[in-house]
Each structure stands twice: as structure tokens, then as C-alpha cells.
Amino acid sequence: MESVATGETLLLDIALTIALTLIVPIYNIVRQSRTAGQPAEPRLTRYRRALLLALGLDAVLVVDWIVGGRSLTMLGLDAPLSIAGRYGLILAGIALCLLALFTATARARDEAQPPADALEMLPQTPQEVRLFLLLSLVLGVSWELLFRGYLLWSLNPVFGAGGAVAVAALAYAASHGFKTTGKLIGSLISALLFTTAYALSHSLWWLIMLHAGLPIIGVLIGRRRPKDV
């Protein structure tokens, strides 16, 4: 399917690119700086806010893609799967299975304990678990489509492949806020790895699987047992 260039799609492209590279990162950095040292918000509040933000950006992307007559392959949703996409899915499945096995074993031995800030974000009540699982699935799809599939497509003509990877990765890392320099660097390294993996494979399916699967496995580590409550 060929892309149809129109004034409407150009405006949506510009608006969405600015939102992902500037507005969302700045908003999260400012919000975290203002709430530093204050009691953490209820987890359900944080989950709902992240869910609404992702779905709102998704809605803009969907409208942009439909109006422009663009194919899903342009966003990295290749169908049928490319060879790289198939190998990626296999590797992602193996990695998640091994991580889940290691996590379950370590948890059974009381050896798995995430950092305090990560533990604070993980769900504890049944209602929190349900919403967190939904959020993990939504973010796994949304953030990969937006910060990988869409941004590389949008930025590549301006910055080239390497520049697009760097800008998209920085935007993604900054969108997680700025707690400490170390956490920002760690987030940036992770974003660079994911973004480079997409740039090389041109397939998002396996990265979506990893992105959604990792926090779900994190629930296995972070949920308190009855004796811990």
C-alpha cells in the first residue's frame, strides 16, 4: 500500500514527532522533579495515567496511518514475518522462558529482590495486578510502535539511520523521567539496544514480545507473598 502525502498527514506527522521527542520526555522529567521526595502516588493512579497517555498517542498514530493510507509494514509490523522477524521471535521466546525459569527459581529461594523503586511500581493487590498486566500489554505494543516503528520512520529522512536511532533512543529514555543519572544512562543503553535491534531486523513483533513480557515476569519477583505482607 502506497503512502498518500496530504496536508493532514504532514501536520499529524509533525505533531506526533514533536510529542514523542520533546513533549512527553519533558513532561515526565518535570513531573518527576516536582514530585521528588514526596509520597508516591497510588499505583492504580500511575497505571491509569500511563495507560491513557499511551492510548492517546496510539489514537493519533492510527488516524495518521489510516488517513495517509500507509501499510503496517512501514511501522515494523511485517506480515508475513521476515526471516529476521522469525529468528527474533524465537530468540525472544527463548529469552523470556529462561528468564521466567531463573526468576521462579530465585524467587523460590528468596534470592530475587528488585530495587526498591522497581518494587514500588510493581502491583501487589489483585486489582493492581489486573491493571498492570493490561498496562504491560498496551505499553509493550504502544511504545514499540511509537518510539521504534514510528520514530525511526519519521526521523530517518532527516537524521539518517544512525541519527534516527540515537534520537529515538534518547527520546524513549527521557520519557521514563530523570530519577538519577545512573538510571537515565541505563535506560538509554536499553533503548539503544532495542532501537538498534529494530533498525537491523525491521520487525517489531519480537521486540513487542520482549517489552510486554519483561514487566510481567517482574511481577513474579515483586509481588509480596502472604508472609511478606
Protein backbone atom coordinates (compact mmCIF):
# COMPACT_ATOMS: atom_id res chain seq x y z
CA MET A 1 0.00 0.00 0.00
CA GLU A 2 1.45 3.38 -1.00
CA SER A 3 1.58 6.28 1.40
CA VAL A 4 -0.56 9.27 0.47
CA ALA A 5 1.08 12.59 1.30
CA THR A 6 -1.51 15.15 2.39
CA GLY A 7 -1.54 18.31 4.47
CA GLU A 8 -3.41 16.48 7.21
CA THR A 9 -0.90 13.66 7.46
CA LEU A 10 2.02 16.09 7.40
CA LEU A 11 0.57 18.00 10.35
CA LEU A 12 -0.11 14.77 12.23
CA ASP A 13 3.41 13.54 11.48
CA ILE A 14 4.94 16.75 12.81
CA ALA A 15 2.68 16.84 15.88
CA LEU A 16 3.33 13.21 16.79
CA THR A 17 7.09 13.52 16.25
CA ILE A 18 7.26 16.62 18.46
CA ALA A 19 5.13 14.93 21.10
CA LEU A 20 7.38 11.86 21.24
CA THR A 21 10.75 13.61 21.05
CA LEU A 22 10.01 16.69 23.18
CA ILE A 23 6.65 16.95 24.93
CA VAL A 24 6.42 13.50 26.52
CA PRO A 25 10.08 13.42 27.68
CA ILE A 26 9.93 16.96 29.11
CA TYR A 27 6.60 16.29 30.80
CA ASN A 28 7.87 13.18 32.55
CA ILE A 29 11.17 14.76 33.58
CA VAL A 30 9.41 17.84 35.01
CA ARG A 31 6.74 15.75 36.75
CA GLN A 32 9.35 13.56 38.43
CA SER A 33 11.42 16.55 39.52
CA ARG A 34 8.36 18.16 41.10
CA THR A 35 7.34 15.02 42.95
CA ALA A 36 10.84 14.09 44.13
CA GLY A 37 10.84 13.46 47.87
CA GLN A 38 7.05 13.40 48.06
CA PRO A 39 4.98 10.31 48.90
CA ALA A 40 4.46 8.12 45.86
CA GLU A 41 1.10 8.26 44.13
CA PRO A 42 -1.15 5.20 44.38
CA ARG A 43 -0.07 2.58 41.88
CA LEU A 44 -3.51 2.49 40.25
CA THR A 45 -3.27 6.23 39.57
CA ARG A 46 0.12 5.81 37.92
CA TYR A 47 -1.07 2.83 35.89
CA ARG A 48 -4.14 4.69 34.61
CA ARG A 49 -2.16 7.79 33.67
CA ALA A 50 0.38 5.74 31.70
CA LEU A 51 -2.43 3.80 30.03
CA LEU A 52 -4.29 6.95 28.96
CA LEU A 53 -1.11 8.56 27.63
CA ALA A 54 -0.22 5.51 25.55
CA LEU A 55 -3.74 5.08 24.17
CA GLY A 56 -3.98 8.78 23.33
CA LEU A 57 -0.75 8.68 21.34
CA ASP A 58 -1.86 5.42 19.72
CA ALA A 59 -5.07 7.11 18.57
CA VAL A 60 -3.09 9.86 16.81
CA LEU A 61 -0.86 7.28 15.14
CA VAL A 62 -3.83 5.20 13.94
CA VAL A 63 -5.56 8.24 12.44
CA ASP A 64 -2.31 9.36 10.81
CA TRP A 65 -1.72 5.94 9.26
CA ILE A 66 -5.29 5.48 8.03
CA VAL A 67 -5.53 8.96 6.51
CA GLY A 68 -2.13 8.51 4.86
CA GLY A 69 -3.01 5.08 3.50
CA ARG A 70 0.21 3.67 4.89
CA SER A 71 0.98 0.00 5.38
CA LEU A 72 1.61 -1.63 8.75
CA THR A 73 4.91 -2.93 7.39
CA MET A 74 6.17 0.66 7.43
CA LEU A 75 5.75 0.56 11.22
CA GLY A 76 7.61 -2.71 11.59
CA LEU A 77 4.55 -4.95 11.69
CA ASP A 78 5.72 -7.18 8.88
CA ALA A 79 3.30 -9.82 7.66
CA PRO A 80 4.26 -12.42 6.73
CA LEU A 81 7.21 -12.33 9.07
CA SER A 82 10.62 -11.66 7.59
CA ILE A 83 13.44 -14.10 8.27
CA ALA A 84 14.91 -11.68 10.80
CA GLY A 85 11.50 -11.33 12.43
CA ARG A 86 11.11 -15.10 12.73
CA TYR A 87 14.52 -15.55 14.32
CA GLY A 88 13.78 -12.59 16.58
CA LEU A 89 10.56 -14.20 17.83
CA ILE A 90 12.36 -17.46 18.52
CA LEU A 91 15.14 -15.70 20.43
CA ALA A 92 12.66 -13.55 22.35
CA GLY A 93 10.63 -16.61 23.33
CA ILE A 94 13.72 -18.49 24.50
CA ALA A 95 14.99 -15.47 26.44
CA LEU A 96 11.67 -14.95 28.22
CA CYS A 97 11.35 -18.64 29.08
CA LEU A 98 14.86 -18.75 30.51
CA LEU A 99 14.30 -15.54 32.45
CA ALA A 100 10.99 -16.80 33.83
CA LEU A 101 12.64 -20.07 34.89
CA PHE A 102 15.55 -18.27 36.54
CA THR A 103 13.17 -15.82 38.24
CA ALA A 104 10.89 -18.53 39.56
CA THR A 105 13.88 -20.49 40.91
CA ALA A 106 15.46 -17.45 42.54
CA ARG A 107 12.11 -16.35 43.97
CA ALA A 108 11.56 -19.79 45.49
CA ARG A 109 14.94 -19.46 47.21
CA ASP A 110 14.21 -15.87 48.30
CA GLU A 111 17.17 -14.72 46.21
CA ALA A 112 15.30 -12.45 43.80
CA GLN A 113 14.70 -8.93 45.05
CA PRO A 114 14.28 -5.99 42.68
CA PRO A 115 15.38 -2.44 43.57
CA ALA A 116 13.11 -0.51 45.94
CA ASP A 117 11.83 1.86 43.25
CA ALA A 118 11.01 -1.04 40.92
CA LEU A 119 9.28 -2.87 43.75
CA GLU A 120 7.20 0.23 44.43
CA MET A 121 5.95 0.24 40.85
CA LEU A 122 5.03 -3.45 40.76
CA PRO A 123 1.46 -4.46 41.65
CA GLN A 124 0.52 -6.03 44.97
CA THR A 125 -3.28 -6.30 45.10
CA PRO A 126 -5.42 -8.33 42.68
CA GLN A 127 -6.87 -5.14 41.18
CA GLU A 128 -3.39 -3.72 40.67
CA VAL A 129 -2.21 -6.96 39.08
CA ARG A 130 -5.07 -6.94 36.55
CA LEU A 131 -4.46 -3.34 35.53
CA PHE A 132 -0.69 -3.84 35.47
CA LEU A 133 -1.00 -6.82 33.12
CA LEU A 134 -3.20 -4.75 30.80
CA LEU A 135 -0.76 -1.86 31.01
CA SER A 136 2.20 -4.14 30.23
CA LEU A 137 0.48 -5.42 27.09
CA VAL A 138 -0.57 -1.94 25.96
CA LEU A 139 2.85 -0.39 26.58
CA GLY A 140 4.60 -3.35 25.01
CA VAL A 141 2.74 -2.65 21.78
CA SER A 142 2.42 1.14 22.03
CA TRP A 143 5.94 2.15 22.98
CA GLU A 144 7.48 -0.13 20.37
CA LEU A 145 5.20 1.20 17.63
CA LEU A 146 5.66 4.82 18.69
CA PHE A 147 9.30 5.10 19.77
CA ARG A 148 10.72 2.46 17.48
CA GLY A 149 8.49 1.89 14.46
CA TYR A 150 7.11 5.38 14.03
CA LEU A 151 10.07 7.50 15.16
CA LEU A 152 12.60 5.67 13.00
CA TRP A 153 10.27 6.07 10.03
CA SER A 154 9.77 9.77 10.83
CA LEU A 155 13.35 10.72 11.76
CA ASN A 156 15.31 8.69 9.21
CA PRO A 157 14.79 11.14 6.31
CA VAL A 158 16.08 13.99 8.49
CA PHE A 159 18.88 12.41 10.55
CA GLY A 160 19.78 9.28 8.63
CA ALA A 161 19.65 5.77 10.08
CA GLY A 162 22.26 6.28 12.81
CA GLY A 163 20.93 9.68 13.85
CA ALA A 164 17.35 8.41 13.92
CA VAL A 165 18.36 5.53 16.20
CA ALA A 166 20.17 7.93 18.55
CA VAL A 167 17.36 10.50 18.73
CA ALA A 168 14.62 7.86 19.13
CA ALA A 169 16.57 6.08 21.88
CA LEU A 170 17.23 9.34 23.74
CA ALA A 171 13.56 10.32 23.50
CA TYR A 172 12.49 6.93 24.82
CA ALA A 173 14.95 7.03 27.72
CA ALA A 174 13.98 10.60 28.66
CA SER A 175 10.29 9.66 28.52
CA HIS A 176 10.90 7.44 31.53
CA GLY A 177 11.81 10.56 33.51
CA PHE A 178 15.02 11.54 35.25
CA LYS A 179 15.43 9.95 38.65
CA THR A 180 19.22 9.66 38.73
CA THR A 181 21.97 9.96 36.16
CA GLY A 182 22.71 6.26 36.50
CA LYS A 183 19.11 5.25 35.81
CA LEU A 184 18.95 7.57 32.81
CA ILE A 185 22.13 6.05 31.37
CA GLY A 186 20.80 2.54 31.96
CA SER A 187 17.52 3.44 30.28
CA LEU A 188 19.40 4.99 27.37
CA ILE A 189 21.57 1.90 26.87
CA SER A 190 18.48 -0.32 26.92
CA ALA A 191 16.71 1.98 24.45
CA LEU A 192 19.73 1.98 22.12
CA LEU A 193 19.83 -1.81 22.13
CA PHE A 194 16.11 -2.14 21.36
CA THR A 195 16.14 0.59 18.73
CA THR A 196 19.24 -0.80 17.02
CA ALA A 197 17.67 -4.28 17.06
CA TYR A 198 14.65 -2.91 15.23
CA ALA A 199 16.77 -0.95 12.76
CA LEU A 200 18.61 -4.17 11.88
CA SER A 201 15.64 -6.55 11.80
CA HIS A 202 12.91 -4.19 10.52
CA SER A 203 10.45 -6.24 12.58
CA LEU A 204 8.77 -5.18 15.82
CA TRP A 205 6.92 -8.36 16.74
CA TRP A 206 9.77 -9.88 18.76
CA LEU A 207 10.57 -6.59 20.48
CA ILE A 208 6.90 -6.21 21.43
CA MET A 209 7.04 -9.70 22.94
CA LEU A 210 10.11 -8.77 24.99
CA HIS A 211 8.76 -5.38 26.03
CA ALA A 212 5.45 -6.82 27.23
CA GLY A 213 6.94 -9.98 28.70
CA LEU A 214 9.68 -8.46 30.86
CA PRO A 215 7.42 -6.49 33.24
CA ILE A 216 5.03 -9.44 33.51
CA ILE A 217 7.93 -11.61 34.65
CA GLY A 218 8.82 -8.78 37.02
CA VAL A 219 5.51 -9.39 38.77
CA LEU A 220 6.80 -12.85 39.69
CA ILE A 221 9.68 -11.19 41.50
CA GLY A 222 7.97 -8.20 43.02
CA ARG A 223 4.64 -9.41 44.36
CA ARG A 224 4.76 -9.98 48.05
CA ARG A 225 3.91 -13.39 49.37
CA PRO A 226 1.31 -13.59 52.12
CA LYS A 227 4.05 -13.94 54.73
CA ASP A 228 5.69 -10.72 53.43
CA VAL A 229 2.60 -8.54 53.78
